[in-house]
Amino acid sequence: MNNETNNPRIKEDVEPKDLIKMQTEVGLIESMLQLTAIVIIAIILLGGFFMFLSKVTG
């Protein structure tokens, strides 16, 4: 088997920024940031809802 045909070739017009985005660590960090934002928004909304409920009942 010829090793040159099995190795993926990087096109010369690919920007370094795109190569960095292909790293699994970068994808993991982006996903964790999105999840963190969702969790923070959910905590704020739930806190506001419980404050509303406490004002209505009290």
N, C-alpha and C. Protein backbone atom coordinates (compact mmCIF):
# COMPACT_ATOMS: atom_id res chain seq x y z
N MET A 1 0.83 -1.19 0.00
CA MET A 1 0.00 0.00 0.00
C MET A 1 0.87 1.24 0.00
N ASN A 2 0.39 2.23 -0.69
CA ASN A 2 1.12 3.48 -0.77
C ASN A 2 0.63 4.41 0.35
N ASN A 3 1.53 4.84 1.21
CA ASN A 3 1.16 5.68 2.35
C ASN A 3 0.68 7.06 1.93
N GLU A 4 1.14 7.53 0.78
CA GLU A 4 0.76 8.88 0.35
C GLU A 4 -0.73 8.97 0.04
N THR A 5 -1.35 7.89 -0.42
CA THR A 5 -2.76 7.94 -0.76
C THR A 5 -3.65 7.80 0.47
N ASN A 6 -3.13 7.24 1.56
CA ASN A 6 -3.93 7.02 2.76
C ASN A 6 -3.95 8.23 3.69
N ASN A 7 -2.97 9.08 3.63
CA ASN A 7 -2.90 10.24 4.52
C ASN A 7 -3.77 11.36 3.98
N PRO A 8 -4.59 11.97 4.85
CA PRO A 8 -5.38 13.11 4.38
C PRO A 8 -4.47 14.29 4.10
N ARG A 9 -4.71 14.94 3.02
CA ARG A 9 -3.90 16.10 2.64
C ARG A 9 -4.62 17.38 3.07
N ILE A 10 -3.83 18.30 3.54
CA ILE A 10 -4.37 19.61 3.91
C ILE A 10 -4.30 20.49 2.68
N LYS A 11 -5.42 21.05 2.33
CA LYS A 11 -5.45 21.95 1.18
C LYS A 11 -4.69 23.22 1.53
N GLU A 12 -4.06 23.78 0.55
CA GLU A 12 -3.26 24.98 0.80
C GLU A 12 -4.12 26.20 1.10
N ASP A 13 -5.39 26.18 0.70
CA ASP A 13 -6.23 27.34 0.94
C ASP A 13 -6.97 27.28 2.28
N VAL A 14 -6.64 26.31 3.12
CA VAL A 14 -7.25 26.21 4.44
C VAL A 14 -6.54 27.18 5.38
N GLU A 15 -7.32 27.99 6.07
CA GLU A 15 -6.75 28.97 6.97
C GLU A 15 -6.38 28.32 8.31
N PRO A 16 -5.37 28.84 8.98
CA PRO A 16 -4.98 28.28 10.28
C PRO A 16 -6.12 28.35 11.31
N LYS A 17 -6.98 29.37 11.19
CA LYS A 17 -8.12 29.50 12.10
C LYS A 17 -9.04 28.29 11.98
N ASP A 18 -9.25 27.82 10.75
CA ASP A 18 -10.09 26.64 10.53
C ASP A 18 -9.44 25.38 11.09
N LEU A 19 -8.12 25.30 10.98
CA LEU A 19 -7.41 24.13 11.52
C LEU A 19 -7.52 24.08 13.04
N ILE A 20 -7.49 25.24 13.67
CA ILE A 20 -7.62 25.28 15.13
C ILE A 20 -9.01 24.85 15.55
N LYS A 21 -10.04 25.27 14.79
CA LYS A 21 -11.41 24.90 15.12
C LYS A 21 -11.66 23.40 14.98
N MET A 22 -10.82 22.70 14.21
CA MET A 22 -10.99 21.26 14.02
C MET A 22 -10.49 20.45 15.21
N GLN A 23 -9.77 21.07 16.11
CA GLN A 23 -9.25 20.36 17.28
C GLN A 23 -10.39 19.98 18.21
N THR A 24 -10.31 18.78 18.78
CA THR A 24 -11.38 18.31 19.66
C THR A 24 -11.45 19.14 20.94
N GLU A 25 -10.31 19.63 21.41
CA GLU A 25 -10.31 20.42 22.63
C GLU A 25 -11.08 21.73 22.43
N VAL A 26 -10.94 22.33 21.27
CA VAL A 26 -11.64 23.58 20.98
C VAL A 26 -13.15 23.33 20.95
N GLY A 27 -13.55 22.23 20.33
CA GLY A 27 -14.97 21.88 20.30
C GLY A 27 -15.52 21.63 21.68
N LEU A 28 -14.72 20.97 22.52
CA LEU A 28 -15.14 20.71 23.89
C LEU A 28 -15.32 22.01 24.67
N ILE A 29 -14.38 22.92 24.52
CA ILE A 29 -14.47 24.20 25.23
C ILE A 29 -15.68 24.99 24.76
N GLU A 30 -15.94 25.00 23.45
CA GLU A 30 -17.11 25.73 22.94
C GLU A 30 -18.40 25.13 23.49
N SER A 31 -18.48 23.82 23.54
CA SER A 31 -19.68 23.16 24.07
C SER A 31 -19.86 23.45 25.55
N MET A 32 -18.76 23.45 26.30
CA MET A 32 -18.85 23.73 27.73
C MET A 32 -19.27 25.17 27.99
N LEU A 33 -18.81 26.11 27.16
CA LEU A 33 -19.23 27.50 27.32
C LEU A 33 -20.71 27.66 27.04
N GLN A 34 -21.21 26.98 26.01
CA GLN A 34 -22.63 27.04 25.72
C GLN A 34 -23.44 26.45 26.86
N LEU A 35 -23.00 25.31 27.39
CA LEU A 35 -23.71 24.66 28.49
C LEU A 35 -23.69 25.54 29.73
N THR A 36 -22.56 26.17 29.99
CA THR A 36 -22.46 27.07 31.15
C THR A 36 -23.44 28.24 31.02
N ALA A 37 -23.54 28.80 29.83
CA ALA A 37 -24.47 29.91 29.61
C ALA A 37 -25.90 29.45 29.81
N ILE A 38 -26.25 28.28 29.33
CA ILE A 38 -27.60 27.75 29.50
C ILE A 38 -27.91 27.53 30.97
N VAL A 39 -26.95 26.98 31.72
CA VAL A 39 -27.16 26.72 33.14
C VAL A 39 -27.34 28.04 33.90
N ILE A 40 -26.54 29.04 33.58
CA ILE A 40 -26.67 30.33 34.28
C ILE A 40 -28.03 30.96 34.00
N ILE A 41 -28.46 30.93 32.75
CA ILE A 41 -29.77 31.48 32.40
C ILE A 41 -30.89 30.71 33.12
N ALA A 42 -30.77 29.39 33.19
CA ALA A 42 -31.80 28.59 33.86
C ALA A 42 -31.85 28.92 35.36
N ILE A 43 -30.70 29.10 35.98
CA ILE A 43 -30.67 29.44 37.42
C ILE A 43 -31.33 30.80 37.65
N ILE A 44 -31.03 31.76 36.79
CA ILE A 44 -31.63 33.10 36.93
C ILE A 44 -33.14 33.02 36.77
N LEU A 45 -33.60 32.30 35.75
CA LEU A 45 -35.04 32.19 35.52
C LEU A 45 -35.75 31.45 36.67
N LEU A 46 -35.15 30.37 37.15
CA LEU A 46 -35.76 29.64 38.27
C LEU A 46 -35.77 30.48 39.54
N GLY A 47 -34.68 31.22 39.78
CA GLY A 47 -34.63 32.10 40.94
C GLY A 47 -35.71 33.17 40.87
N GLY A 48 -35.88 33.76 39.69
CA GLY A 48 -36.93 34.76 39.51
C GLY A 48 -38.32 34.18 39.71
N PHE A 49 -38.52 32.96 39.22
CA PHE A 49 -39.82 32.30 39.38
C PHE A 49 -40.12 32.04 40.85
N PHE A 50 -39.13 31.55 41.59
CA PHE A 50 -39.36 31.27 43.01
C PHE A 50 -39.54 32.56 43.81
N MET A 51 -38.87 33.62 43.41
CA MET A 51 -39.09 34.90 44.08
C MET A 51 -40.50 35.39 43.82
N PHE A 52 -40.96 35.22 42.59
CA PHE A 52 -42.34 35.57 42.25
C PHE A 52 -43.33 34.78 43.08
N LEU A 53 -43.09 33.49 43.20
CA LEU A 53 -43.99 32.65 43.99
C LEU A 53 -44.01 33.05 45.46
N SER A 54 -42.84 33.41 45.99
CA SER A 54 -42.79 33.80 47.40
C SER A 54 -43.50 35.14 47.62
N LYS A 55 -43.44 36.05 46.66
CA LYS A 55 -44.14 37.33 46.77
C LYS A 55 -45.65 37.13 46.68
N VAL A 56 -46.07 36.22 45.81
CA VAL A 56 -47.51 35.98 45.63
C VAL A 56 -48.09 35.32 46.88
N THR A 57 -47.38 34.38 47.46
CA THR A 57 -47.92 33.66 48.62
C THR A 57 -47.76 34.46 49.90
N GLY A 58 -46.78 35.33 49.97
CA GLY A 58 -46.51 36.03 51.23
C GLY A 58 -47.04 37.38 51.19
